[in-house]
């Protein structure tokens, strides 16, 4: 059978099961198993033990449950409230007030969390009541929280970057450092947009004078533990002192005294955090196992090589290829969620990316930014539903507040395409990697 028909049948089967409501790891795993059966017969299943062991026996992937556990400890300890209030005091004089706090708090929580959903839920729960009570524009409030929440998968540690690194055998430490500068620049662009809007239309910022004046010591007490945790995790990776997995373990240890400072460190809280971390980690690792089966079936049939040859034969220049990728991922982001985008598309597209001489680290950051765009895009933009669930507002109202941020992210993709040093400068100066 021609490779085009094989590809059509494989992807048609996969998306058919997904649209039918089948859970992702089973849909992608069954597609891979049927492809192996079709190509090699029953004897092809002999390789499944090797795939299962090779895909999950990975030091890289051990960072995932540790970062999730750290995130769960911090979320259940209630430390997001003092963090948000401390940042609100710092930016109270800027045009936009608490809207800037949404972005700053999301950026800080992202740097210790690694999950967009957790970031949007944690900050949104704290922020929305305060924004509503002070008369802030609902559209601006919803948009800043949805956009700020997406920073959770770009600013390290990032679970999607760990998954991407394990699929492409790219250094996760370098991916983490590559995501730091773009994440901060994107946060600054969001804040610049908010500042300009609120300076031109002060009514968007609500009423003034509601932020309590608290001592500098109180503000430092609320912020310093987070800064210390960020420096410990990212600094240990940057200077080559620790691998991402070791940095994640260090983060779990340091999260305990931070939870103790907040007064919510109990055995019940730890049990709940651990249980949630195990459930989330098992779900992610099952997806990765199914994806590795799918990836093996894809490569075993030679589809990756054929796709690479076909794309190269189109004689697209690098710029046109990147525009095509932007459009493809923009459409996919409307239809499937973040982990699905990685595990389905990377085996297909990564060989072509290498053919064009695109740096694997740069492509990883580009991919995560496109996932961010997808998390803000209906009908499956998960951050939209997180904020909708917290705000109890119509989805259309939330989407209307997010629209300007689509343009900001598209502009930023153009910037990193023109100046890839925005992504590659920091990882090129790492120690010990």
Protein backbone atom coordinates (compact mmCIF):
# COMPACT_ATOMS: atom_id res chain seq x y z
CA UNK A 1 0.00 0.00 0.00
CA UNK A 2 1.25 3.49 -0.83
CA UNK A 3 2.50 5.46 2.17
CA UNK A 4 -0.12 8.20 1.62
CA UNK A 5 -2.93 5.70 2.11
CA UNK A 6 -1.26 4.23 5.17
CA UNK A 7 -0.92 7.70 6.69
CA UNK A 8 -4.53 8.57 5.90
CA UNK A 9 -5.82 5.34 7.47
CA UNK A 10 -3.64 5.68 10.56
CA UNK A 11 -4.56 9.31 11.26
CA UNK A 12 -8.19 8.74 10.27
CA UNK A 13 -8.45 5.89 12.77
CA UNK A 14 -6.78 7.96 15.49
CA UNK A 15 -8.91 11.08 15.07
CA UNK A 16 -12.04 8.97 14.60
CA UNK A 17 -11.54 7.39 18.03
CA UNK A 18 -10.70 10.77 19.60
CA UNK A 19 -13.81 12.41 18.14
CA UNK A 20 -15.81 9.40 19.32
CA UNK A 21 -14.81 10.23 22.89
CA UNK A 22 -12.14 7.59 23.52
CA UNK A 23 -9.53 8.59 26.09
CA UNK A 24 -6.28 9.73 24.44
CA UNK A 25 -3.84 7.01 25.65
CA UNK A 26 -6.17 4.24 24.45
CA UNK A 27 -6.95 5.93 21.12
CA UNK A 28 -3.31 6.56 20.28
CA UNK A 29 -2.16 3.17 21.63
CA UNK A 30 -4.80 1.18 19.73
CA UNK A 31 -3.94 3.08 16.52
CA UNK A 32 -0.29 2.13 16.98
CA UNK A 33 -1.08 -1.51 17.73
CA UNK A 34 -3.28 -1.87 14.64
CA UNK A 35 -0.58 -0.24 12.49
CA UNK A 36 2.02 -2.71 13.83
CA UNK A 37 -0.37 -5.62 13.19
CA UNK A 38 -1.03 -4.44 9.63
CA UNK A 39 2.66 -3.98 8.82
CA UNK A 40 4.35 -6.88 10.66
CA UNK A 41 1.57 -9.25 11.71
CA UNK A 42 1.23 -10.79 15.18
CA UNK A 43 5.00 -11.22 15.46
CA UNK A 44 5.34 -7.44 15.45
CA UNK A 45 3.91 -7.34 18.97
CA UNK A 46 7.12 -8.93 20.26
CA UNK A 47 8.62 -5.46 20.40
CA UNK A 48 6.00 -4.09 22.82
CA UNK A 49 7.95 -5.09 25.93
CA UNK A 50 10.98 -3.23 24.67
CA UNK A 51 8.88 -0.16 23.82
CA UNK A 52 7.23 -0.13 27.26
CA UNK A 53 10.53 -0.51 29.10
CA UNK A 54 12.44 1.89 26.86
CA UNK A 55 9.80 4.62 26.95
CA UNK A 56 9.14 4.71 30.70
CA UNK A 57 12.55 3.66 32.08
CA UNK A 58 13.76 7.22 31.61
CA UNK A 59 15.56 9.49 34.05
CA UNK A 60 14.11 12.43 32.12
CA UNK A 61 10.51 11.43 32.84
CA UNK A 62 11.08 11.05 36.59
CA UNK A 63 11.03 14.84 36.81
CA UNK A 64 7.32 14.88 35.88
CA UNK A 65 5.84 13.33 39.08
CA UNK A 66 8.24 15.34 41.23
CA UNK A 67 7.31 18.69 39.68
CA UNK A 68 3.62 17.74 39.89
CA UNK A 69 4.03 16.86 43.59
CA UNK A 70 5.74 20.20 44.27
CA UNK A 71 2.91 22.00 42.50
CA UNK A 72 0.24 20.10 44.46
CA UNK A 73 1.91 20.87 47.80
CA UNK A 74 2.03 24.59 47.02
CA UNK A 75 -1.53 24.70 45.68
CA UNK A 76 -3.07 22.90 48.65
CA UNK A 77 -1.07 24.92 51.17
CA UNK A 78 -2.86 28.09 50.05
CA UNK A 79 0.29 30.10 49.36
CA UNK A 80 -1.14 31.67 46.19
CA UNK A 81 -3.24 34.16 48.18
CA UNK A 82 -0.32 35.89 49.99
CA UNK A 83 1.70 35.77 46.75
CA UNK A 84 -1.07 37.53 44.83
CA UNK A 85 -1.62 40.16 47.53
CA UNK A 86 2.10 40.91 47.80
CA UNK A 87 2.42 41.41 44.05
CA UNK A 88 -0.72 43.57 44.07
CA UNK A 89 0.98 45.92 46.51
CA UNK A 90 4.02 46.20 44.23
CA UNK A 91 2.08 47.18 41.08
CA UNK A 92 -0.76 49.18 42.61
CA UNK A 93 0.47 52.46 41.07
CA UNK A 94 0.77 51.12 37.50
CA UNK A 95 -2.04 51.70 34.97
CA UNK A 96 -3.95 48.45 35.17
CA UNK A 97 -3.24 47.63 38.82
CA UNK A 98 -4.40 44.10 39.57
CA UNK A 99 -4.44 43.17 35.89
CA UNK A 100 -0.64 43.37 36.00
CA UNK A 101 -0.77 41.27 39.15
CA UNK A 102 -2.59 38.54 37.21
CA UNK A 103 0.31 38.30 34.75
CA UNK A 104 3.06 38.60 37.37
CA UNK A 105 1.46 36.08 39.73
CA UNK A 106 0.88 33.66 36.86
CA UNK A 107 4.53 34.03 35.79
CA UNK A 108 5.83 33.37 39.30
CA UNK A 109 3.50 30.46 39.93
CA UNK A 110 4.34 29.05 36.49
CA UNK A 111 8.02 29.01 37.44
CA UNK A 112 7.31 26.60 40.30
CA UNK A 113 4.37 24.73 38.82
CA UNK A 114 4.90 23.69 35.19
CA UNK A 115 1.20 23.42 34.38
CA UNK A 116 -1.02 25.98 32.64
CA UNK A 117 -4.21 24.50 34.07
CA UNK A 118 -2.88 24.62 37.63
CA UNK A 119 -1.61 28.18 37.12
CA UNK A 120 -4.91 29.44 35.69
CA UNK A 121 -6.95 27.69 38.39
CA UNK A 122 -4.77 28.80 41.32
CA UNK A 123 -4.43 32.45 40.29
CA UNK A 124 -7.96 32.75 38.89
CA UNK A 125 -9.53 31.51 42.13
CA UNK A 126 -7.68 34.17 44.14
CA UNK A 127 -7.89 37.01 41.62
CA UNK A 128 -11.45 37.02 40.28
CA UNK A 129 -13.24 37.93 43.54
CA UNK A 130 -10.83 40.85 44.10
CA UNK A 131 -11.12 42.05 40.51
CA UNK A 132 -14.92 41.93 40.65
CA UNK A 133 -15.12 43.76 44.00
CA UNK A 134 -12.96 46.61 42.69
CA UNK A 135 -14.86 47.11 39.44
CA UNK A 136 -12.27 45.95 36.93
CA UNK A 137 -13.39 45.33 33.36
CA UNK A 138 -14.57 41.72 33.12
CA UNK A 139 -13.18 41.29 29.62
CA UNK A 140 -9.75 42.53 30.70
CA UNK A 141 -9.87 40.39 33.84
CA UNK A 142 -10.76 37.19 31.99
CA UNK A 143 -8.28 37.83 29.18
CA UNK A 144 -5.34 38.51 31.50
CA UNK A 145 -6.02 35.39 33.57
CA UNK A 146 -6.39 33.08 30.56
CA UNK A 147 -3.29 34.51 28.86
CA UNK A 148 -1.29 34.57 32.09
CA UNK A 149 -2.20 30.96 32.78
CA UNK A 150 -0.68 29.83 29.50
CA UNK A 151 2.75 30.93 30.78
CA UNK A 152 2.69 27.83 32.98
CA UNK A 153 3.98 25.64 30.15
CA UNK A 154 6.61 28.06 28.84
CA UNK A 155 8.38 29.39 31.94
CA UNK A 156 10.32 26.44 33.43
CA UNK A 157 9.73 23.95 34.85
CA UNK A 158 7.41 22.86 32.05
CA UNK A 159 5.87 19.40 31.79
CA UNK A 160 5.27 19.70 27.99
CA UNK A 161 8.95 20.56 27.54
CA UNK A 162 9.92 17.43 29.51
CA UNK A 163 7.67 15.31 27.27
CA UNK A 164 9.04 16.97 24.12
CA UNK A 165 12.62 16.43 25.34
CA UNK A 166 11.98 12.74 25.99
CA UNK A 167 10.48 12.28 22.50
CA UNK A 168 13.24 14.08 20.61
CA UNK A 169 16.18 13.27 22.91
CA UNK A 170 16.76 16.99 23.42
CA UNK A 171 18.32 18.23 26.68
CA UNK A 172 15.49 19.12 29.06
CA UNK A 173 17.85 21.38 31.02
CA UNK A 174 18.56 23.42 27.89
CA UNK A 175 14.86 23.46 26.97
CA UNK A 176 14.07 24.84 30.43
CA UNK A 177 16.60 27.63 30.03
CA UNK A 178 15.38 28.30 26.48
CA UNK A 179 11.85 28.84 27.79
CA UNK A 180 12.81 31.33 30.50
CA UNK A 181 13.60 34.44 28.43
CA UNK A 182 10.69 33.98 25.97
CA UNK A 183 8.34 33.41 28.90
CA UNK A 184 9.43 36.62 30.62
CA UNK A 185 9.36 38.62 27.36
CA UNK A 186 5.86 37.35 26.59
CA UNK A 187 4.71 38.27 30.12
CA UNK A 188 6.15 41.78 29.60
CA UNK A 189 4.29 42.09 26.27
CA UNK A 190 1.04 41.12 28.01
CA UNK A 191 1.69 43.74 30.71
CA UNK A 192 2.59 46.38 28.12
CA UNK A 193 -0.71 45.78 26.36
CA UNK A 194 -2.60 46.06 29.66
CA UNK A 195 -0.74 49.24 30.60
CA UNK A 196 -1.46 50.95 27.28
CA UNK A 197 -5.16 49.99 27.36
CA UNK A 198 -5.64 51.15 30.94
CA UNK A 199 -3.68 54.37 30.43
CA UNK A 200 -5.93 55.22 27.47
CA UNK A 201 -9.13 54.03 29.23
CA UNK A 202 -8.70 54.35 33.03
CA UNK A 203 -12.22 52.97 33.62
CA UNK A 204 -10.91 49.49 32.72
CA UNK A 205 -8.86 49.51 35.94
CA UNK A 206 -11.81 49.87 38.28
CA UNK A 207 -11.71 51.85 41.49
CA UNK A 208 -8.51 53.06 43.09
CA UNK A 209 -7.27 53.01 46.60
CA UNK A 210 -8.41 49.55 47.69
CA UNK A 211 -4.98 48.02 48.09
CA UNK A 212 -4.04 47.95 51.75
CA UNK A 213 -0.73 49.48 52.73
CA UNK A 214 1.29 46.80 54.46
CA UNK A 215 4.84 46.93 55.78
CA UNK A 216 7.73 46.18 53.46
CA UNK A 217 8.63 43.29 55.78
CA UNK A 218 5.22 41.68 55.22
CA UNK A 219 5.58 42.01 51.44
CA UNK A 220 9.07 40.51 51.51
CA UNK A 221 7.90 37.69 53.76
CA UNK A 222 5.26 36.73 51.20
CA UNK A 223 7.56 37.00 48.15
CA UNK A 224 11.00 35.85 49.28
CA UNK A 225 10.10 32.13 49.71
CA UNK A 226 8.90 32.00 46.10
CA UNK A 227 12.00 33.76 44.80
CA UNK A 228 14.21 31.39 46.78
CA UNK A 229 12.38 28.38 45.33
CA UNK A 230 12.69 29.77 41.77
CA UNK A 231 16.40 30.50 42.19
CA UNK A 232 17.07 27.09 43.74
CA UNK A 233 15.36 25.19 40.89
CA UNK A 234 16.48 27.24 37.90
CA UNK A 235 19.89 28.20 39.31
CA UNK A 236 20.83 24.60 40.09
CA UNK A 237 19.94 23.60 36.51
CA UNK A 238 21.66 26.59 34.87
CA UNK A 239 24.95 26.14 36.73
CA UNK A 240 24.99 22.38 36.13
CA UNK A 241 24.68 21.56 39.83
CA UNK A 242 21.55 19.46 39.34
CA UNK A 243 19.65 17.72 36.57
CA UNK A 244 15.98 18.66 36.08
CA UNK A 245 14.99 15.57 38.09
CA UNK A 246 17.29 16.49 40.97
CA UNK A 247 16.05 20.09 40.83
CA UNK A 248 12.46 18.78 41.00
CA UNK A 249 13.32 16.72 44.10
CA UNK A 250 14.92 19.80 45.66
CA UNK A 251 11.76 21.77 44.84
CA UNK A 252 9.59 19.20 46.64
CA UNK A 253 11.78 19.49 49.73
CA UNK A 254 11.76 23.30 49.70
CA UNK A 255 7.99 23.41 49.13
CA UNK A 256 7.46 21.90 52.60
CA UNK A 257 8.85 24.84 54.65
CA UNK A 258 6.99 27.26 52.35
CA UNK A 259 3.77 25.39 53.13
CA UNK A 260 4.73 25.45 56.82
CA UNK A 261 5.15 29.25 56.72
CA UNK A 262 1.63 29.54 55.34
CA UNK A 263 0.38 27.48 58.29
CA UNK A 264 -1.27 24.77 56.16
CA UNK A 265 1.28 21.97 56.33
CA UNK A 266 -0.66 18.98 57.64
CA UNK A 267 -0.54 15.23 57.07
CA UNK A 268 -3.99 15.41 55.48
CA UNK A 269 -2.81 18.08 53.03
CA UNK A 270 0.30 16.06 52.16
CA UNK A 271 -1.79 12.93 51.62
CA UNK A 272 -4.15 14.82 49.30
CA UNK A 273 -1.25 16.41 47.38
CA UNK A 274 0.50 13.06 47.00
CA UNK A 275 -2.67 11.29 45.85
CA UNK A 276 -3.39 13.94 43.23
CA UNK A 277 0.24 13.89 42.04
CA UNK A 278 0.14 10.09 41.61
CA UNK A 279 -3.14 10.24 39.66
CA UNK A 280 -1.93 13.01 37.35
CA UNK A 281 1.48 11.40 36.81
CA UNK A 282 0.00 8.00 35.99
CA UNK A 283 -2.34 9.58 33.45
CA UNK A 284 0.52 11.42 31.75
CA UNK A 285 2.83 8.39 31.70
CA UNK A 286 0.07 6.23 30.22
CA UNK A 287 -0.31 8.80 27.44
CA UNK A 288 3.46 8.71 26.85
CA UNK A 289 3.44 4.90 26.65
CA UNK A 290 0.62 4.95 24.09
CA UNK A 291 2.44 7.66 22.16
CA UNK A 292 5.67 5.65 22.04
CA UNK A 293 3.77 2.67 20.58
CA UNK A 294 2.23 5.01 17.99
CA UNK A 295 5.62 6.58 17.23
CA UNK A 296 7.26 3.16 16.75
CA UNK A 297 4.47 2.05 14.41
CA UNK A 298 4.81 5.28 12.47
CA UNK A 299 8.56 4.97 12.00
CA UNK A 300 8.41 1.19 11.43
CA UNK A 301 6.18 1.81 8.43
CA UNK A 302 8.65 4.43 7.15
CA UNK A 303 6.04 7.17 7.22
CA UNK A 304 8.28 9.73 8.90
CA UNK A 305 10.91 9.43 6.19
CA UNK A 306 8.32 9.58 3.41
CA UNK A 307 6.69 12.69 4.85
CA UNK A 308 10.09 14.38 5.16
CA UNK A 309 10.90 13.56 1.52
CA UNK A 310 7.50 14.81 0.36
CA UNK A 311 7.73 18.13 2.22
CA UNK A 312 11.29 18.73 0.99
CA UNK A 313 10.13 17.99 -2.57
CA UNK A 314 7.69 20.91 -2.33
CA UNK A 315 10.72 23.23 -2.32
CA UNK A 316 9.30 25.42 0.42
CA UNK A 317 11.81 27.84 1.84
CA UNK A 318 12.34 27.98 5.59
CA UNK A 319 9.99 30.95 6.07
CA UNK A 320 7.13 29.30 4.19
CA UNK A 321 7.65 26.08 6.12
CA UNK A 322 7.41 27.95 9.44
CA UNK A 323 4.26 29.74 8.26
CA UNK A 324 2.75 26.34 7.38
CA UNK A 325 3.66 25.02 10.83
CA UNK A 326 2.05 28.08 12.44
CA UNK A 327 -1.19 27.49 10.52
CA UNK A 328 -1.20 23.72 11.17
CA UNK A 329 -0.68 24.12 14.90
CA UNK A 330 -3.14 26.99 15.02
CA UNK A 331 -5.84 24.72 13.62
CA UNK A 332 -4.85 21.74 15.77
CA UNK A 333 -4.98 23.92 18.87
CA UNK A 334 -8.68 24.45 18.22
CA UNK A 335 -9.29 20.70 18.17
CA UNK A 336 -6.99 18.83 20.58
CA UNK A 337 -5.32 19.59 23.91
CA UNK A 338 -1.65 20.22 24.63
CA UNK A 339 -0.21 16.78 25.38
CA UNK A 340 -2.09 15.35 22.41
CA UNK A 341 -0.51 17.95 20.12
CA UNK A 342 2.96 16.88 21.21
CA UNK A 343 2.54 13.11 21.12
CA UNK A 344 0.66 13.07 17.81
CA UNK A 345 2.58 15.66 15.79
CA UNK A 346 6.20 15.40 16.93
CA UNK A 347 6.80 11.94 15.37
CA UNK A 348 5.35 13.28 12.10
CA UNK A 349 6.94 16.71 11.91
CA UNK A 350 10.24 16.46 13.78
CA UNK A 351 12.14 14.65 10.95
CA UNK A 352 11.04 17.40 8.56
CA UNK A 353 12.13 20.07 11.05
CA UNK A 354 15.62 18.55 11.11
CA UNK A 355 15.68 18.46 7.30
CA UNK A 356 15.21 22.24 7.31
CA UNK A 357 18.06 22.69 9.76
CA UNK A 358 15.79 24.12 12.47
CA UNK A 359 17.32 23.88 15.94
CA UNK A 360 15.50 21.27 18.06
CA UNK A 361 15.56 23.54 21.12
CA UNK A 362 14.08 26.47 19.16
CA UNK A 363 11.39 24.20 17.72
CA UNK A 364 10.50 22.95 21.21
CA UNK A 365 9.84 26.52 22.38
CA UNK A 366 7.92 27.31 19.17
CA UNK A 367 5.79 24.20 19.74
CA UNK A 368 5.01 25.18 23.34
CA UNK A 369 4.05 28.71 22.30
CA UNK A 370 1.66 27.24 19.73
CA UNK A 371 0.23 25.01 22.46
CA UNK A 372 -0.29 28.18 24.52
CA UNK A 373 -2.29 29.61 21.63
CA UNK A 374 -4.35 26.41 21.51
CA UNK A 375 -5.11 26.59 25.23
CA UNK A 376 -6.75 29.98 24.59
CA UNK A 377 -8.71 28.90 21.50
CA UNK A 378 -12.24 27.42 21.48
CA UNK A 379 -13.70 24.84 21.31
CA UNK A 380 -11.03 22.92 23.30
CA UNK A 381 -8.96 25.72 24.84
CA UNK A 382 -8.70 24.28 28.32
CA UNK A 383 -7.69 27.54 30.04
CA UNK A 384 -10.92 29.10 28.78
CA UNK A 385 -12.92 26.45 30.61
CA UNK A 386 -10.82 26.75 33.76
CA UNK A 387 -11.53 30.49 34.03
CA UNK A 388 -15.15 29.95 32.97
CA UNK A 389 -15.55 27.44 35.79
CA UNK A 390 -14.13 29.87 38.33
CA UNK A 391 -15.96 32.95 37.01
CA UNK A 392 -19.28 31.24 36.16
CA UNK A 393 -19.42 33.48 33.06
CA UNK A 394 -20.50 32.76 29.46
CA UNK A 395 -17.70 31.32 27.33
CA UNK A 396 -18.19 34.01 24.68
CA UNK A 397 -17.49 36.72 27.26
CA UNK A 398 -14.20 35.08 28.19
CA UNK A 399 -13.17 34.53 24.55
CA UNK A 400 -13.80 38.20 23.73
CA UNK A 401 -11.35 39.18 26.46
CA UNK A 402 -8.70 36.82 25.12
CA UNK A 403 -8.77 37.91 21.46
CA UNK A 404 -6.07 40.65 21.76
CA UNK A 405 -3.64 38.12 23.23
CA UNK A 406 -3.87 35.98 20.08
CA UNK A 407 -2.28 38.87 18.20
CA UNK A 408 0.41 39.34 20.85
CA UNK A 409 1.41 35.66 20.70
CA UNK A 410 1.42 35.71 16.86
CA UNK A 411 3.68 38.79 16.99
CA UNK A 412 5.98 37.06 19.45
CA UNK A 413 6.29 33.98 17.19
CA UNK A 414 7.39 36.36 14.42
CA UNK A 415 9.97 37.90 16.78
CA UNK A 416 11.58 34.58 17.72
CA UNK A 417 11.61 33.54 14.05
CA UNK A 418 13.48 36.72 13.11
CA UNK A 419 15.71 36.70 16.20
CA UNK A 420 16.13 33.07 17.35
CA UNK A 421 18.69 34.32 19.88
CA UNK A 422 15.73 35.24 22.10
CA UNK A 423 15.34 31.49 22.59
CA UNK A 424 18.89 30.22 22.16
CA UNK A 425 20.98 32.83 23.99
CA UNK A 426 20.51 31.59 27.56
CA UNK A 427 20.90 27.81 26.94
CA UNK A 428 24.10 28.52 24.99
CA UNK A 429 25.60 29.98 28.17
CA UNK A 430 24.69 27.19 30.57
CA UNK A 431 27.32 25.50 32.72
CA UNK A 432 27.84 21.76 32.87
CA UNK A 433 25.39 20.76 30.10
